[in-house]
Amino acid sequence: MNTLIFATNNLNKVVEVRSLLNENFKILSLSEAGIDIDIPEPFDTLEKNAIEKAKVIYELKGISCFAEDTGLEVKSLNCEPGVKSARYAGDERFFENNINKLLGKLK
C-alpha cells in the first residue's frame, strides 16, 4: 500500500480524496502523520503555496505528499482575498471576521 500525506488538517478534504482513490493508497492528514505546525504561505499564488506546503512536509517526514491551497477571488475586488482568504481579516483565521470584511468591501 502506498502512503501519502495530504498536507491539510481539513478532514472534509481528506475524506473526499480517500473516497476517490482505491485501496492501494493510504491517505494521512497532517495530524494523522503527527505533524502540528503552521506551514508558511509566503507566495502570491495558490499554486506556489501548495508546492511549498508539500515541500515542507516531505522534508519533515520523507514521505510522498501532496497539498492544495484554496482561496476566494472576487473579480470586483481585484481578486481579493485570494491567497490570503483564511487570514483576510487577521492572522487569527476567524471565518466570521473574514466574511464580514469581504461583505463590507463589496458594499
Protein backbone atom coordinates (compact mmCIF):
# COMPACT_ATOMS: atom_id res chain seq x y z
CA MET A 1 0.00 0.00 0.00
CA ASN A 2 1.27 3.49 -0.88
CA THR A 3 1.12 6.00 1.94
CA LEU A 4 0.69 9.66 1.05
CA ILE A 5 0.41 12.65 3.32
CA PHE A 6 -2.21 15.19 2.34
CA ALA A 7 -0.85 18.49 3.66
CA THR A 8 -4.11 19.58 5.24
CA ASN A 9 -5.98 19.35 8.51
CA ASN A 10 -9.31 19.81 6.77
CA LEU A 11 -10.88 16.40 7.40
CA ASN A 12 -13.61 17.01 4.82
CA LYS A 13 -10.95 17.31 2.12
CA VAL A 14 -9.19 14.17 3.37
CA VAL A 15 -12.43 12.17 3.31
CA GLU A 16 -13.17 13.39 -0.21
CA VAL A 17 -9.74 12.39 -1.53
CA ARG A 18 -9.91 9.00 0.19
CA SER A 19 -13.26 8.34 -1.50
CA LEU A 20 -11.69 8.98 -4.91
CA LEU A 21 -8.70 6.68 -4.50
CA ASN A 22 -8.63 2.92 -4.34
CA GLU A 23 -7.35 0.70 -1.55
CA ASN A 24 -3.78 0.92 -2.90
CA PHE A 25 -3.40 4.31 -1.22
CA LYS A 26 -3.41 5.24 2.43
CA ILE A 27 -4.01 8.99 2.80
CA LEU A 28 -2.92 10.65 6.03
CA SER A 29 -3.88 14.14 7.16
CA LEU A 30 -1.21 16.26 8.81
CA SER A 31 -2.48 15.38 12.28
CA GLU A 32 -2.58 11.67 11.44
CA ALA A 33 1.05 11.94 10.31
CA GLY A 34 1.97 13.55 13.64
CA ILE A 35 2.57 16.99 12.14
CA ASP A 36 1.39 20.00 14.11
CA ILE A 37 2.98 23.05 12.51
CA ASP A 38 1.72 26.16 10.79
CA ILE A 39 3.12 25.89 7.28
CA PRO A 40 4.05 29.27 5.84
CA GLU A 41 2.20 30.53 2.78
CA PRO A 42 4.68 33.15 1.59
CA PHE A 43 3.84 33.28 -2.09
CA ASP A 44 1.36 35.30 -4.11
CA THR A 45 -0.23 32.35 -5.91
CA LEU A 46 -2.24 29.39 -4.65
CA GLU A 47 -0.13 27.01 -6.73
CA LYS A 48 3.19 28.18 -5.27
CA ASN A 49 1.84 28.00 -1.73
CA ALA A 50 0.62 24.42 -2.31
CA ILE A 51 4.03 23.44 -3.66
CA GLU A 52 5.68 25.00 -0.59
CA LYS A 53 3.39 23.02 1.74
CA ALA A 54 4.23 19.74 0.01
CA LYS A 55 7.95 20.54 0.06
CA VAL A 56 7.96 21.36 3.79
CA ILE A 57 6.09 18.17 4.70
CA TYR A 58 8.28 15.98 2.51
CA GLU A 59 11.40 17.47 4.09
CA LEU A 60 9.96 16.79 7.57
CA LYS A 61 8.77 13.22 7.04
CA GLY A 62 10.39 11.89 3.87
CA ILE A 63 7.02 10.51 2.79
CA SER A 64 5.40 11.33 -0.52
CA CYS A 65 2.82 14.02 -0.09
CA PHE A 66 0.55 16.41 -1.90
CA ALA A 67 -1.06 19.68 -1.00
CA GLU A 68 -3.61 22.17 -2.12
CA ASP A 69 -4.26 25.78 -1.39
CA THR A 70 -7.63 27.35 -1.95
CA GLY A 71 -8.77 30.91 -1.93
CA LEU A 72 -11.72 33.04 -2.83
CA GLU A 73 -11.04 35.50 -5.63
CA VAL A 74 -13.65 38.20 -6.13
CA LYS A 75 -13.25 39.87 -9.50
CA SER A 76 -14.82 43.18 -8.41
CA LEU A 77 -12.28 43.36 -5.56
CA ASN A 78 -9.28 42.87 -7.83
CA CYS A 79 -9.22 39.16 -6.93
CA GLU A 80 -9.15 39.74 -3.17
CA PRO A 81 -8.83 37.99 -0.83
CA GLY A 82 -7.03 35.36 -2.97
CA VAL A 83 -4.13 33.65 -1.26
CA LYS A 84 -4.96 35.50 1.96
CA SER A 85 -8.52 34.14 2.18
CA ALA A 86 -8.02 32.38 5.54
CA ARG A 87 -6.23 35.39 7.04
CA TYR A 88 -8.14 38.13 5.25
CA ALA A 89 -9.25 39.87 8.45
CA GLY A 90 -6.20 38.89 10.52
CA ASP A 91 -3.80 36.11 11.40
CA GLU A 92 -6.35 34.57 13.79
CA ARG A 93 -8.18 32.99 10.81
CA PHE A 94 -11.67 33.81 12.09
CA PHE A 95 -14.13 32.79 9.37
CA GLU A 96 -16.80 35.21 10.58
CA ASN A 97 -14.38 38.16 10.53
CA ASN A 98 -13.20 37.25 7.04
CA ILE A 99 -16.77 37.12 5.74
CA ASN A 100 -17.66 40.41 7.39
CA LYS A 101 -14.63 42.14 5.89
CA LEU A 102 -15.43 40.75 2.45
CA LEU A 103 -19.08 41.80 2.63
CA GLY A 104 -18.06 45.24 3.87
CA LYS A 105 -15.74 45.74 0.92
CA LEU A 106 -18.40 44.54 -1.52
CA LYS A 107 -20.77 47.26 -0.29
